[in-house]
C-alpha atoms as a PDB file:
ATOM      1  CA  MET A   1      14.660   8.960  12.339  1.00  0.00           C
ATOM      2  CA  ALA A   2      14.607   5.187  12.108  1.00  0.00           C
ATOM      3  CA  ARG A   3      12.955   3.110  14.800  1.00  0.00           C
ATOM      4  CA  GLU A   4      13.468  -0.513  15.661  1.00  0.00           C
ATOM      5  CA  ILE A   5      10.679  -2.960  16.434  1.00  0.00           C
ATOM      6  CA  ARG A   6      10.737  -6.602  17.411  1.00  0.00           C
ATOM      7  CA  ILE A   7       8.191  -9.011  15.990  1.00  0.00           C
ATOM      8  CA  GLU A   8       7.731 -12.759  16.048  1.00  0.00           C
ATOM      9  CA  ILE A   9       6.837 -14.684  12.903  1.00  0.00           C
ATOM     10  CA  SER A  10       6.639 -18.367  12.096  1.00  0.00           C
ATOM     11  CA  ASP A  11       9.638 -20.277  10.815  1.00  0.00           C
ATOM     12  CA  GLU A  12       7.895 -20.676   7.459  1.00  0.00           C
ATOM     13  CA  ALA A  13       7.249 -16.938   7.173  1.00  0.00           C
ATOM     14  CA  TYR A  14      10.861 -16.147   8.079  1.00  0.00           C
ATOM     15  CA  GLU A  15      12.155 -18.568   5.467  1.00  0.00           C
ATOM     16  CA  ALA A  16       9.941 -16.917   2.851  1.00  0.00           C
ATOM     17  CA  LEU A  17      11.203 -13.515   4.014  1.00  0.00           C
ATOM     18  CA  GLU A  18      14.809 -14.655   3.669  1.00  0.00           C
ATOM     19  CA  ARG A  19      14.181 -15.961   0.141  1.00  0.00           C
ATOM     20  CA  ALA A  20      12.468 -12.736  -0.943  1.00  0.00           C
ATOM     21  CA  ALA A  21      15.233 -10.617   0.601  1.00  0.00           C
ATOM     22  CA  ALA A  22      17.972 -12.719  -1.011  1.00  0.00           C
ATOM     23  CA  ALA A  23      16.323 -12.275  -4.420  1.00  0.00           C
ATOM     24  CA  ARG A  24      16.643  -8.514  -3.891  1.00  0.00           C
ATOM     25  CA  HIS A  25      20.146  -8.733  -2.418  1.00  0.00           C
ATOM     26  CA  VAL A  26      19.190  -7.110   0.897  1.00  0.00           C
ATOM     27  CA  PRO A  27      19.194  -8.384   4.482  1.00  0.00           C
ATOM     28  CA  ALA A  28      15.911  -9.939   5.647  1.00  0.00           C
ATOM     29  CA  GLU A  29      15.433  -7.219   8.274  1.00  0.00           C
ATOM     30  CA  ALA A  30      15.866  -4.446   5.692  1.00  0.00           C
ATOM     31  CA  TYR A  31      13.443  -6.129   3.303  1.00  0.00           C
ATOM     32  CA  ALA A  32      10.850  -6.566   6.062  1.00  0.00           C
ATOM     33  CA  GLY A  33      11.133  -2.847   6.802  1.00  0.00           C
ATOM     34  CA  GLN A  34      10.703  -1.971   3.112  1.00  0.00           C
ATOM     35  CA  VAL A  35       7.612  -4.181   2.819  1.00  0.00           C
ATOM     36  CA  LEU A  36       6.069  -2.721   5.967  1.00  0.00           C
ATOM     37  CA  ASP A  37       6.813   0.838   4.843  1.00  0.00           C
ATOM     38  CA  ALA A  38       5.289   0.202   1.401  1.00  0.00           C
ATOM     39  CA  ASP A  39       2.173  -1.337   2.960  1.00  0.00           C
ATOM     40  CA  LEU A  40       1.701   1.601   5.323  1.00  0.00           C
ATOM     41  CA  THR A  41       2.274   4.080   2.489  1.00  0.00           C
ATOM     42  CA  ARG A  42      -0.384   2.304   0.412  1.00  0.00           C
ATOM     43  CA  ALA A  43      -2.806   2.342   3.356  1.00  0.00           C
ATOM     44  CA  ARG A  44      -2.267   6.098   3.855  1.00  0.00           C
ATOM     45  CA  PHE A  45      -2.809   6.725   0.138  1.00  0.00           C
ATOM     46  CA  LEU A  46      -6.044   4.716   0.059  1.00  0.00           C
ATOM     47  CA  GLU A  47      -7.362   6.467   3.169  1.00  0.00           C
ATOM     48  CA  GLY A  48      -6.552   9.837   1.593  1.00  0.00           C
ATOM     49  CA  ALA A  49      -8.355   8.808  -1.588  1.00  0.00           C
ATOM     50  CA  ARG A  50     -11.422   7.738   0.409  1.00  0.00           C
ATOM     51  CA  LEU A  51     -11.443  11.059   2.241  1.00  0.00           C
ATOM     52  CA  PHE A  52     -11.085  12.968  -1.037  1.00  0.00           C
ATOM     53  CA  VAL A  53     -13.988  11.094  -2.626  1.00  0.00           C
ATOM     54  CA  ALA A  54     -16.156  11.584   0.455  1.00  0.00           C
ATOM     55  CA  GLU A  55     -15.445  15.316   0.492  1.00  0.00           C
ATOM     56  CA  HIS A  56     -15.259  16.136  -3.217  1.00  0.00           C
ATOM     57  CA  GLY A  57     -16.836  13.221  -5.080  1.00  0.00           C
ATOM     58  CA  THR A  58     -20.240  14.792  -5.665  1.00  0.00           C
ATOM     59  CA  ALA A  59     -18.828  18.105  -6.897  1.00  0.00           C
ATOM     60  CA  PHE A  60     -16.367  16.257  -9.136  1.00  0.00           C
ATOM     61  CA  ALA A  61     -19.154  14.146 -10.672  1.00  0.00           C
ATOM     62  CA  GLU A  62     -21.320  17.252 -11.212  1.00  0.00           C
ATOM     63  CA  ARG A  63     -18.453  19.027 -12.961  1.00  0.00           C
ATOM     64  CA  PHE A  64     -17.014  16.159 -15.000  1.00  0.00           C
ATOM     65  CA  GLY A  65     -19.836  13.619 -15.185  1.00  0.00           C
ATOM     66  CA  PRO A  66     -20.166  10.142 -13.716  1.00  0.00           C
ATOM     67  CA  SER A  67     -17.199   7.848 -13.219  1.00  0.00           C
ATOM     68  CA  GLY A  68     -17.846   6.077 -16.486  1.00  0.00           C
ATOM     69  CA  ARG A  69     -18.228   2.638 -14.969  1.00  0.00           C
ATOM     70  CA  GLY A  70     -20.488   0.767 -17.286  1.00  0.00           C
ATOM     71  CA  ALA A  71     -20.784   3.743 -19.652  1.00  0.00           C
ATOM     72  CA  ASP A  72     -19.864   3.432 -23.311  1.00  0.00           C
ATOM     73  CA  ALA A  73     -16.448   4.809 -24.195  1.00  0.00           C
ATOM     74  CA  ALA A  74     -16.426   7.786 -26.515  1.00  0.00           C
END
């Protein structure tokens, strides 16, 4: 189900939003929703990754070795 929110942004930000939306051939409101959804999706993914590493990172490193940062490539 879609929800509607009302936000206030500066004139400059709205003009930038309109330009970005026009480049994608969508209304400014639709583009703002897409950007917000993508940002929230990214935030959820990163939080999930942090939780995974916190819970399984040590066991993963023991099984497969260190992350390889700074290690010589094989």
